[in-house]
Amino acid sequence: MTSLFWQWQSLLFLGLVMVGITIGLLVKPPRPINDKEVVKEYFNGVGFDRWRRIYGTEPLSSVQADIRLGHQQTIDRVLSWLKEEGNLEGLTVCDVGCGTGSLSLPLAQLGAKVSASDISAKMVAEAKAQASNPDNPHFQVADLEQITGTYDTVICLDVLIHYPLADAQRMIKHLARLSSRRLILSFAPKTLYYDILKKIGSLFPGASKATRAYLHPENVIRQTLAEAGFTVTKDAMQKTKFYFSRLLLAQRT
């Protein structure tokens, strides 16, 4: 009787092992998330129409209209900072993550020589369609970390929110290498209030929420800028009901 029991236990164990091996062969482990691919797919797909409308002028829902207002406040703040520091005529600017050109186009109209890029081909095509001058801004489809050259001012708005902290730090250091003088960037600050707000928002998933939102500690962002040879000289907090962004202007030291 004891011998039969152990034989049954052995067969059961062997059967479980075989089932485990079969499941392991049939079920592929989840692929690690590539945030850049997610962002590119989103802004070339369902996200393109949503953000094209937000960056545009057509009627919106109350939430989207509020986000449009917040984004425009960020654009206006950057333009005012640059105007305060002198004439923009001939200033070389690299606008990274340009979207549909909401910053690139007014900069070009003010006389700056603008190189603008976005990871989304659809966004770049829309920006080009809105440009009155085919040569300025110069638009290109590019990964942020593939951009080369040297510019007086490098600007990166509402991009870092799509990437985890380690990636954001690496991106900031790359942007810093492109700038001979000034770096302006925005990010979603990590605070208790915004952490709670983000968690509440995650309870209401939707088709438009196809990218993850990352909050970053401001002290870490400032330290990253310092390590890259930049000192923050101006800062501002832009916020509406549904939009919040910490804006920093850093000068090369």
C-alpha atoms as a PDB file:
ATOM      1  CA  MET A   1       0.000   0.000   0.000  1.00  0.00           C
ATOM      2  CA  THR A   2       2.830   2.370   0.920  1.00  0.00           C
ATOM      3  CA  SER A   3       4.656   1.553  -2.313  1.00  0.00           C
ATOM      4  CA  LEU A   4       1.558   2.351  -4.392  1.00  0.00           C
ATOM      5  CA  PHE A   5       1.143   5.657  -2.543  1.00  0.00           C
ATOM      6  CA  TRP A   6       4.689   6.771  -3.327  1.00  0.00           C
ATOM      7  CA  GLN A   7       4.328   5.666  -6.929  1.00  0.00           C
ATOM      8  CA  TRP A   8       1.169   7.791  -7.216  1.00  0.00           C
ATOM      9  CA  GLN A   9       2.936  10.765  -5.605  1.00  0.00           C
ATOM     10  CA  SER A  10       5.857  10.405  -8.012  1.00  0.00           C
ATOM     11  CA  LEU A  11       3.543  10.266 -11.028  1.00  0.00           C
ATOM     12  CA  LEU A  12       1.637  13.308  -9.791  1.00  0.00           C
ATOM     13  CA  PHE A  13       4.860  15.248  -9.288  1.00  0.00           C
ATOM     14  CA  LEU A  14       6.135  14.253 -12.733  1.00  0.00           C
ATOM     15  CA  GLY A  15       2.810  15.279 -14.255  1.00  0.00           C
ATOM     16  CA  LEU A  16       2.975  18.712 -12.613  1.00  0.00           C
ATOM     17  CA  VAL A  17       6.529  19.186 -13.851  1.00  0.00           C
ATOM     18  CA  MET A  18       5.476  18.321 -17.409  1.00  0.00           C
ATOM     19  CA  VAL A  19       2.522  20.715 -17.210  1.00  0.00           C
ATOM     20  CA  GLY A  20       4.840  23.452 -15.975  1.00  0.00           C
ATOM     21  CA  ILE A  21       7.287  22.851 -18.821  1.00  0.00           C
ATOM     22  CA  THR A  22       4.447  22.880 -21.379  1.00  0.00           C
ATOM     23  CA  ILE A  23       3.032  26.156 -20.030  1.00  0.00           C
ATOM     24  CA  GLY A  24       6.516  27.662 -20.045  1.00  0.00           C
ATOM     25  CA  LEU A  25       6.925  26.771 -23.709  1.00  0.00           C
ATOM     26  CA  LEU A  26       3.479  27.965 -24.770  1.00  0.00           C
ATOM     27  CA  VAL A  27       3.165  31.161 -22.724  1.00  0.00           C
ATOM     28  CA  LYS A  28       5.716  33.803 -23.563  1.00  0.00           C
ATOM     29  CA  PRO A  29       6.911  36.004 -20.715  1.00  0.00           C
ATOM     30  CA  PRO A  30       5.689  39.588 -20.944  1.00  0.00           C
ATOM     31  CA  ARG A  31       7.961  41.792 -23.012  1.00  0.00           C
ATOM     32  CA  PRO A  32       9.660  44.573 -21.066  1.00  0.00           C
ATOM     33  CA  ILE A  33       7.969  47.888 -21.747  1.00  0.00           C
ATOM     34  CA  ASN A  34       9.853  50.102 -24.197  1.00  0.00           C
ATOM     35  CA  ASP A  35       8.521  53.535 -23.340  1.00  0.00           C
ATOM     36  CA  LYS A  36       9.855  55.121 -26.516  1.00  0.00           C
ATOM     37  CA  GLU A  37       8.022  52.615 -28.691  1.00  0.00           C
ATOM     38  CA  VAL A  38       4.846  53.124 -26.644  1.00  0.00           C
ATOM     39  CA  VAL A  39       5.094  56.915 -27.024  1.00  0.00           C
ATOM     40  CA  LYS A  40       5.817  56.688 -30.761  1.00  0.00           C
ATOM     41  CA  GLU A  41       2.901  54.311 -31.365  1.00  0.00           C
ATOM     42  CA  TYR A  42       0.528  56.412 -29.268  1.00  0.00           C
ATOM     43  CA  PHE A  43       1.321  59.753 -30.921  1.00  0.00           C
ATOM     44  CA  ASN A  44       1.205  58.179 -34.371  1.00  0.00           C
ATOM     45  CA  GLY A  45      -2.128  56.564 -33.504  1.00  0.00           C
ATOM     46  CA  VAL A  46      -4.999  57.334 -31.170  1.00  0.00           C
ATOM     47  CA  GLY A  47      -3.055  60.031 -29.332  1.00  0.00           C
ATOM     48  CA  PHE A  48      -2.325  62.053 -32.456  1.00  0.00           C
ATOM     49  CA  ASP A  49      -5.879  63.237 -33.044  1.00  0.00           C
ATOM     50  CA  ARG A  50      -6.452  63.948 -29.367  1.00  0.00           C
ATOM     51  CA  TRP A  51      -3.345  66.096 -28.961  1.00  0.00           C
ATOM     52  CA  ARG A  52      -3.629  67.713 -32.388  1.00  0.00           C
ATOM     53  CA  ARG A  53      -6.987  69.046 -31.227  1.00  0.00           C
ATOM     54  CA  ILE A  54      -5.658  70.093 -27.815  1.00  0.00           C
ATOM     55  CA  TYR A  55      -2.766  71.973 -29.424  1.00  0.00           C
ATOM     56  CA  GLY A  56      -5.145  73.491 -31.988  1.00  0.00           C
ATOM     57  CA  THR A  57      -8.072  75.889 -31.807  1.00  0.00           C
ATOM     58  CA  GLU A  58     -11.164  73.764 -32.371  1.00  0.00           C
ATOM     59  CA  PRO A  59     -13.823  73.257 -29.617  1.00  0.00           C
ATOM     60  CA  LEU A  60     -12.930  70.749 -26.888  1.00  0.00           C
ATOM     61  CA  SER A  61     -14.403  69.056 -23.851  1.00  0.00           C
ATOM     62  CA  SER A  62     -13.951  70.932 -20.588  1.00  0.00           C
ATOM     63  CA  VAL A  63     -11.066  68.667 -19.501  1.00  0.00           C
ATOM     64  CA  GLN A  64      -9.205  68.958 -22.804  1.00  0.00           C
ATOM     65  CA  ALA A  65      -9.798  72.717 -22.891  1.00  0.00           C
ATOM     66  CA  ASP A  66      -8.263  72.959 -19.428  1.00  0.00           C
ATOM     67  CA  ILE A  67      -5.195  70.986 -20.579  1.00  0.00           C
ATOM     68  CA  ARG A  68      -4.913  73.258 -23.632  1.00  0.00           C
ATOM     69  CA  LEU A  69      -4.922  76.272 -21.310  1.00  0.00           C
ATOM     70  CA  GLY A  70      -2.182  74.799 -19.108  1.00  0.00           C
ATOM     71  CA  HIS A  71       0.006  73.881 -22.059  1.00  0.00           C
ATOM     72  CA  GLN A  72      -0.411  77.345 -23.575  1.00  0.00           C
ATOM     73  CA  GLN A  73       0.578  78.928 -20.267  1.00  0.00           C
ATOM     74  CA  THR A  74       3.810  76.916 -20.405  1.00  0.00           C
ATOM     75  CA  ILE A  75       4.475  78.071 -23.986  1.00  0.00           C
ATOM     76  CA  ASP A  76       3.772  81.702 -23.057  1.00  0.00           C
ATOM     77  CA  ARG A  77       6.076  81.493 -20.046  1.00  0.00           C
ATOM     78  CA  VAL A  78       8.974  80.154 -22.126  1.00  0.00           C
ATOM     79  CA  LEU A  79       8.493  82.867 -24.757  1.00  0.00           C
ATOM     80  CA  SER A  80       8.406  85.572 -22.077  1.00  0.00           C
ATOM     81  CA  TRP A  81      11.627  84.250 -20.482  1.00  0.00           C
ATOM     82  CA  LEU A  82      13.431  84.286 -23.815  1.00  0.00           C
ATOM     83  CA  LYS A  83      12.184  87.778 -24.678  1.00  0.00           C
ATOM     84  CA  GLU A  84      13.375  89.050 -21.282  1.00  0.00           C
ATOM     85  CA  GLU A  85      16.898  87.925 -22.113  1.00  0.00           C
ATOM     86  CA  GLY A  86      17.085  89.864 -25.378  1.00  0.00           C
ATOM     87  CA  ASN A  87      16.297  89.854 -29.073  1.00  0.00           C
ATOM     88  CA  LEU A  88      15.520  86.401 -30.489  1.00  0.00           C
ATOM     89  CA  GLU A  89      16.708  87.335 -33.994  1.00  0.00           C
ATOM     90  CA  GLY A  90      19.249  84.725 -35.126  1.00  0.00           C
ATOM     91  CA  LEU A  91      19.062  82.747 -31.869  1.00  0.00           C
ATOM     92  CA  THR A  92      19.603  79.033 -32.565  1.00  0.00           C
ATOM     93  CA  VAL A  93      16.991  76.927 -30.790  1.00  0.00           C
ATOM     94  CA  CYS A  94      16.488  73.172 -30.648  1.00  0.00           C
ATOM     95  CA  ASP A  95      12.873  72.351 -29.746  1.00  0.00           C
ATOM     96  CA  VAL A  96      12.779  68.686 -28.742  1.00  0.00           C
ATOM     97  CA  GLY A  97       9.372  67.007 -28.668  1.00  0.00           C
ATOM     98  CA  CYS A  98       7.920  69.840 -30.726  1.00  0.00           C
ATOM     99  CA  GLY A  99       4.492  68.234 -31.233  1.00  0.00           C
ATOM    100  CA  THR A 100       2.497  70.236 -33.757  1.00  0.00           C
ATOM    101  CA  GLY A 101       4.804  73.257 -33.455  1.00  0.00           C
ATOM    102  CA  SER A 102       3.083  75.212 -30.681  1.00  0.00           C
ATOM    103  CA  LEU A 103       6.447  76.628 -29.543  1.00  0.00           C
ATOM    104  CA  SER A 104       8.587  76.187 -32.680  1.00  0.00           C
ATOM    105  CA  LEU A 105       6.319  78.258 -34.922  1.00  0.00           C
ATOM    106  CA  PRO A 106       6.119  81.399 -32.718  1.00  0.00           C
ATOM    107  CA  LEU A 107       9.876  81.189 -32.063  1.00  0.00           C
ATOM    108  CA  ALA A 108      10.537  81.194 -35.801  1.00  0.00           C
ATOM    109  CA  GLN A 109       8.161  84.134 -36.257  1.00  0.00           C
ATOM    110  CA  LEU A 110      10.171  86.054 -33.641  1.00  0.00           C
ATOM    111  CA  GLY A 111      13.340  85.545 -35.671  1.00  0.00           C
ATOM    112  CA  ALA A 112      14.927  82.531 -33.981  1.00  0.00           C
ATOM    113  CA  LYS A 113      16.515  79.863 -36.155  1.00  0.00           C
ATOM    114  CA  VAL A 114      14.651  76.756 -34.990  1.00  0.00           C
ATOM    115  CA  SER A 115      15.460  73.076 -35.340  1.00  0.00           C
ATOM    116  CA  ALA A 116      12.404  71.110 -34.200  1.00  0.00           C
ATOM    117  CA  SER A 117      11.964  67.379 -33.753  1.00  0.00           C
ATOM    118  CA  ASP A 118       9.457  64.859 -32.502  1.00  0.00           C
ATOM    119  CA  ILE A 119       9.386  61.074 -32.210  1.00  0.00           C
ATOM    120  CA  SER A 120       5.977  61.073 -33.964  1.00  0.00           C
ATOM    121  CA  ALA A 121       5.980  61.387 -37.758  1.00  0.00           C
ATOM    122  CA  LYS A 122       2.327  62.475 -37.666  1.00  0.00           C
ATOM    123  CA  MET A 123       3.063  65.308 -35.255  1.00  0.00           C
ATOM    124  CA  VAL A 124       5.927  66.536 -37.412  1.00  0.00           C
ATOM    125  CA  ALA A 125       3.787  66.384 -40.559  1.00  0.00           C
ATOM    126  CA  GLU A 126       1.092  68.460 -38.842  1.00  0.00           C
ATOM    127  CA  ALA A 127       3.666  71.015 -37.673  1.00  0.00           C
ATOM    128  CA  LYS A 128       5.108  71.310 -41.186  1.00  0.00           C
ATOM    129  CA  ALA A 129       1.626  71.869 -42.606  1.00  0.00           C
ATOM    130  CA  GLN A 130       1.140  74.827 -40.260  1.00  0.00           C
ATOM    131  CA  ALA A 131       4.496  76.473 -40.988  1.00  0.00           C
ATOM    132  CA  SER A 132       4.426  79.501 -43.287  1.00  0.00           C
ATOM    133  CA  ASN A 133       8.181  79.297 -43.943  1.00  0.00           C
ATOM    134  CA  PRO A 134       9.358  75.940 -45.366  1.00  0.00           C
ATOM    135  CA  ASP A 135      12.912  76.522 -44.113  1.00  0.00           C
ATOM    136  CA  ASN A 136      12.289  77.774 -40.577  1.00  0.00           C
ATOM    137  CA  PRO A 137      11.585  75.886 -38.426  1.00  0.00           C
ATOM    138  CA  HIS A 138      13.503  72.918 -39.796  1.00  0.00           C
ATOM    139  CA  PHE A 139      11.442  69.880 -38.761  1.00  0.00           C
ATOM    140  CA  GLN A 140      12.614  66.297 -38.442  1.00  0.00           C
ATOM    141  CA  VAL A 141      11.316  63.010 -37.066  1.00  0.00           C
ATOM    142  CA  ALA A 142      13.854  61.874 -34.476  1.00  0.00           C
ATOM    143  CA  ASP A 143      14.365  60.103 -31.197  1.00  0.00           C
ATOM    144  CA  LEU A 144      15.470  62.658 -28.593  1.00  0.00           C
ATOM    145  CA  GLU A 145      18.757  60.858 -28.000  1.00  0.00           C
ATOM    146  CA  GLN A 146      19.577  60.769 -31.726  1.00  0.00           C
ATOM    147  CA  ILE A 147      19.654  64.560 -32.066  1.00  0.00           C
ATOM    148  CA  THR A 148      23.058  66.083 -32.745  1.00  0.00           C
ATOM    149  CA  GLY A 149      24.465  69.578 -33.167  1.00  0.00           C
ATOM    150  CA  THR A 150      25.072  72.613 -30.976  1.00  0.00           C
ATOM    151  CA  TYR A 151      22.437  75.220 -30.192  1.00  0.00           C
ATOM    152  CA  ASP A 152      22.299  78.380 -28.125  1.00  0.00           C
ATOM    153  CA  THR A 153      19.097  77.191 -26.454  1.00  0.00           C
ATOM    154  CA  VAL A 154      17.655  73.697 -26.099  1.00  0.00           C
ATOM    155  CA  ILE A 155      14.016  73.324 -25.037  1.00  0.00           C
ATOM    156  CA  CYS A 156      12.135  70.179 -24.055  1.00  0.00           C
ATOM    157  CA  LEU A 157       8.542  70.641 -22.894  1.00  0.00           C
ATOM    158  CA  ASP A 158       6.034  68.025 -21.703  1.00  0.00           C
ATOM    159  CA  VAL A 159       8.244  65.123 -22.816  1.00  0.00           C
ATOM    160  CA  LEU A 160       9.930  63.788 -19.674  1.00  0.00           C
ATOM    161  CA  ILE A 161       6.553  62.846 -18.170  1.00  0.00           C
ATOM    162  CA  HIS A 162       6.483  59.876 -20.575  1.00  0.00           C
ATOM    163  CA  TYR A 163       9.704  58.334 -19.215  1.00  0.00           C
ATOM    164  CA  PRO A 164      10.909  56.855 -15.896  1.00  0.00           C
ATOM    165  CA  LEU A 165      13.434  58.807 -13.854  1.00  0.00           C
ATOM    166  CA  ALA A 166      16.595  57.013 -14.996  1.00  0.00           C
ATOM    167  CA  ASP A 167      15.645  57.534 -18.651  1.00  0.00           C
ATOM    168  CA  ALA A 168      14.707  61.164 -17.995  1.00  0.00           C
ATOM    169  CA  GLN A 169      18.084  61.817 -16.364  1.00  0.00           C
ATOM    170  CA  ARG A 170      19.908  60.281 -19.319  1.00  0.00           C
ATOM    171  CA  MET A 171      17.842  62.392 -21.713  1.00  0.00           C
ATOM    172  CA  ILE A 172      18.551  65.596 -19.773  1.00  0.00           C
ATOM    173  CA  LYS A 173      22.296  64.951 -19.941  1.00  0.00           C
ATOM    174  CA  HIS A 174      22.055  64.382 -23.678  1.00  0.00           C
ATOM    175  CA  LEU A 175      20.111  67.620 -24.132  1.00  0.00           C
ATOM    176  CA  ALA A 176      22.700  69.432 -22.035  1.00  0.00           C
ATOM    177  CA  ARG A 177      25.440  68.331 -24.420  1.00  0.00           C
ATOM    178  CA  LEU A 178      23.546  70.002 -27.278  1.00  0.00           C
ATOM    179  CA  SER A 179      23.303  73.385 -25.545  1.00  0.00           C
ATOM    180  CA  SER A 180      26.072  75.964 -25.554  1.00  0.00           C
ATOM    181  CA  ARG A 181      24.231  78.320 -23.262  1.00  0.00           C
ATOM    182  CA  ARG A 182      20.734  77.563 -22.026  1.00  0.00           C
ATOM    183  CA  LEU A 183      18.453  74.599 -21.359  1.00  0.00           C
ATOM    184  CA  ILE A 184      14.712  74.885 -20.683  1.00  0.00           C
ATOM    185  CA  LEU A 185      12.686  71.849 -19.694  1.00  0.00           C
ATOM    186  CA  SER A 186       9.446  70.884 -18.021  1.00  0.00           C
ATOM    187  CA  PHE A 187       8.452  67.832 -16.014  1.00  0.00           C
ATOM    188  CA  ALA A 188       5.669  66.641 -13.742  1.00  0.00           C
ATOM    189  CA  PRO A 189       6.898  67.124 -10.162  1.00  0.00           C
ATOM    190  CA  LYS A 190       6.652  64.261  -7.705  1.00  0.00           C
ATOM    191  CA  THR A 191       4.776  65.492  -4.640  1.00  0.00           C
ATOM    192  CA  LEU A 192       2.318  63.803  -2.296  1.00  0.00           C
ATOM    193  CA  TYR A 193      -0.588  65.737  -3.842  1.00  0.00           C
ATOM    194  CA  TYR A 194       0.278  64.871  -7.445  1.00  0.00           C
ATOM    195  CA  ASP A 195       1.052  61.283  -6.494  1.00  0.00           C
ATOM    196  CA  ILE A 196      -2.480  60.943  -5.102  1.00  0.00           C
ATOM    197  CA  LEU A 197      -3.944  62.719  -8.149  1.00  0.00           C
ATOM    198  CA  LYS A 198      -2.117  60.343 -10.471  1.00  0.00           C
ATOM    199  CA  LYS A 199      -3.364  57.274  -8.561  1.00  0.00           C
ATOM    200  CA  ILE A 200      -6.945  58.545  -8.744  1.00  0.00           C
ATOM    201  CA  GLY A 201      -6.563  59.138 -12.476  1.00  0.00           C
ATOM    202  CA  SER A 202      -5.274  55.595 -13.003  1.00  0.00           C
ATOM    203  CA  LEU A 203      -8.596  54.253 -11.695  1.00  0.00           C
ATOM    204  CA  PHE A 204     -10.300  55.609 -14.818  1.00  0.00           C
ATOM    205  CA  PRO A 205      -8.483  54.063 -17.777  1.00  0.00           C
ATOM    206  CA  GLY A 206      -9.392  55.050 -21.308  1.00  0.00           C
ATOM    207  CA  ALA A 207      -8.239  54.750 -24.890  1.00  0.00           C
ATOM    208  CA  SER A 208      -6.536  58.132 -24.677  1.00  0.00           C
ATOM    209  CA  LYS A 209      -4.397  57.013 -21.724  1.00  0.00           C
ATOM    210  CA  ALA A 210      -2.044  54.788 -23.673  1.00  0.00           C
ATOM    211  CA  THR A 211       1.216  56.092 -22.228  1.00  0.00           C
ATOM    212  CA  ARG A 212       2.352  55.964 -18.639  1.00  0.00           C
ATOM    213  CA  ALA A 213       2.839  59.197 -16.716  1.00  0.00           C
ATOM    214  CA  TYR A 214       5.946  59.495 -14.547  1.00  0.00           C
ATOM    215  CA  LEU A 215       6.413  62.043 -11.769  1.00  0.00           C
ATOM    216  CA  HIS A 216       9.976  63.155 -11.023  1.00  0.00           C
ATOM    217  CA  PRO A 217      11.468  64.593  -7.798  1.00  0.00           C
ATOM    218  CA  GLU A 218      12.534  68.175  -8.476  1.00  0.00           C
ATOM    219  CA  ASN A 219      15.710  67.878  -6.402  1.00  0.00           C
ATOM    220  CA  VAL A 220      16.877  64.988  -8.600  1.00  0.00           C
ATOM    221  CA  ILE A 221      16.171  66.921 -11.806  1.00  0.00           C
ATOM    222  CA  ARG A 222      18.077  69.929 -10.474  1.00  0.00           C
ATOM    223  CA  GLN A 223      20.972  67.712  -9.421  1.00  0.00           C
ATOM    224  CA  THR A 224      21.057  66.122 -12.872  1.00  0.00           C
ATOM    225  CA  LEU A 225      21.269  69.583 -14.431  1.00  0.00           C
ATOM    226  CA  ALA A 226      24.084  70.515 -12.049  1.00  0.00           C
ATOM    227  CA  GLU A 227      26.012  67.365 -12.941  1.00  0.00           C
ATOM    228  CA  ALA A 228      25.638  68.343 -16.606  1.00  0.00           C
ATOM    229  CA  GLY A 229      27.141  71.771 -15.919  1.00  0.00           C
ATOM    230  CA  PHE A 230      23.966  73.865 -15.655  1.00  0.00           C
ATOM    231  CA  THR A 231      22.527  76.077 -12.925  1.00  0.00           C
ATOM    232  CA  VAL A 232      18.803  76.807 -12.632  1.00  0.00           C
ATOM    233  CA  THR A 233      18.215  80.555 -12.821  1.00  0.00           C
ATOM    234  CA  LYS A 234      14.455  80.671 -13.384  1.00  0.00           C
ATOM    235  CA  ASP A 235      11.592  78.379 -12.415  1.00  0.00           C
ATOM    236  CA  ALA A 236       7.824  78.373 -12.504  1.00  0.00           C
ATOM    237  CA  MET A 237       4.921  76.083 -11.759  1.00  0.00           C
ATOM    238  CA  GLN A 238       2.216  75.966 -14.422  1.00  0.00           C
ATOM    239  CA  LYS A 239      -1.003  74.347 -13.271  1.00  0.00           C
ATOM    240  CA  THR A 240      -4.683  74.215 -14.037  1.00  0.00           C
ATOM    241  CA  LYS A 241      -7.264  71.699 -12.877  1.00  0.00           C
ATOM    242  CA  PHE A 242      -5.936  68.891 -15.090  1.00  0.00           C
ATOM    243  CA  TYR A 243      -2.498  70.105 -16.155  1.00  0.00           C
ATOM    244  CA  PHE A 244       0.594  70.575 -14.029  1.00  0.00           C
ATOM    245  CA  SER A 245       4.167  71.141 -15.102  1.00  0.00           C
ATOM    246  CA  ARG A 246       7.318  72.356 -13.396  1.00  0.00           C
ATOM    247  CA  LEU A 247       9.352  74.592 -15.677  1.00  0.00           C
ATOM    248  CA  LEU A 248      13.093  75.214 -15.250  1.00  0.00           C
ATOM    249  CA  LEU A 249      15.477  77.483 -17.130  1.00  0.00           C
ATOM    250  CA  ALA A 250      19.128  76.551 -16.574  1.00  0.00           C
ATOM    251  CA  GLN A 251      22.254  78.368 -17.760  1.00  0.00           C
ATOM    252  CA  ARG A 252      25.572  76.714 -18.542  1.00  0.00           C
ATOM    253  CA  THR A 253      28.065  77.466 -15.764  1.00  0.00           C
END
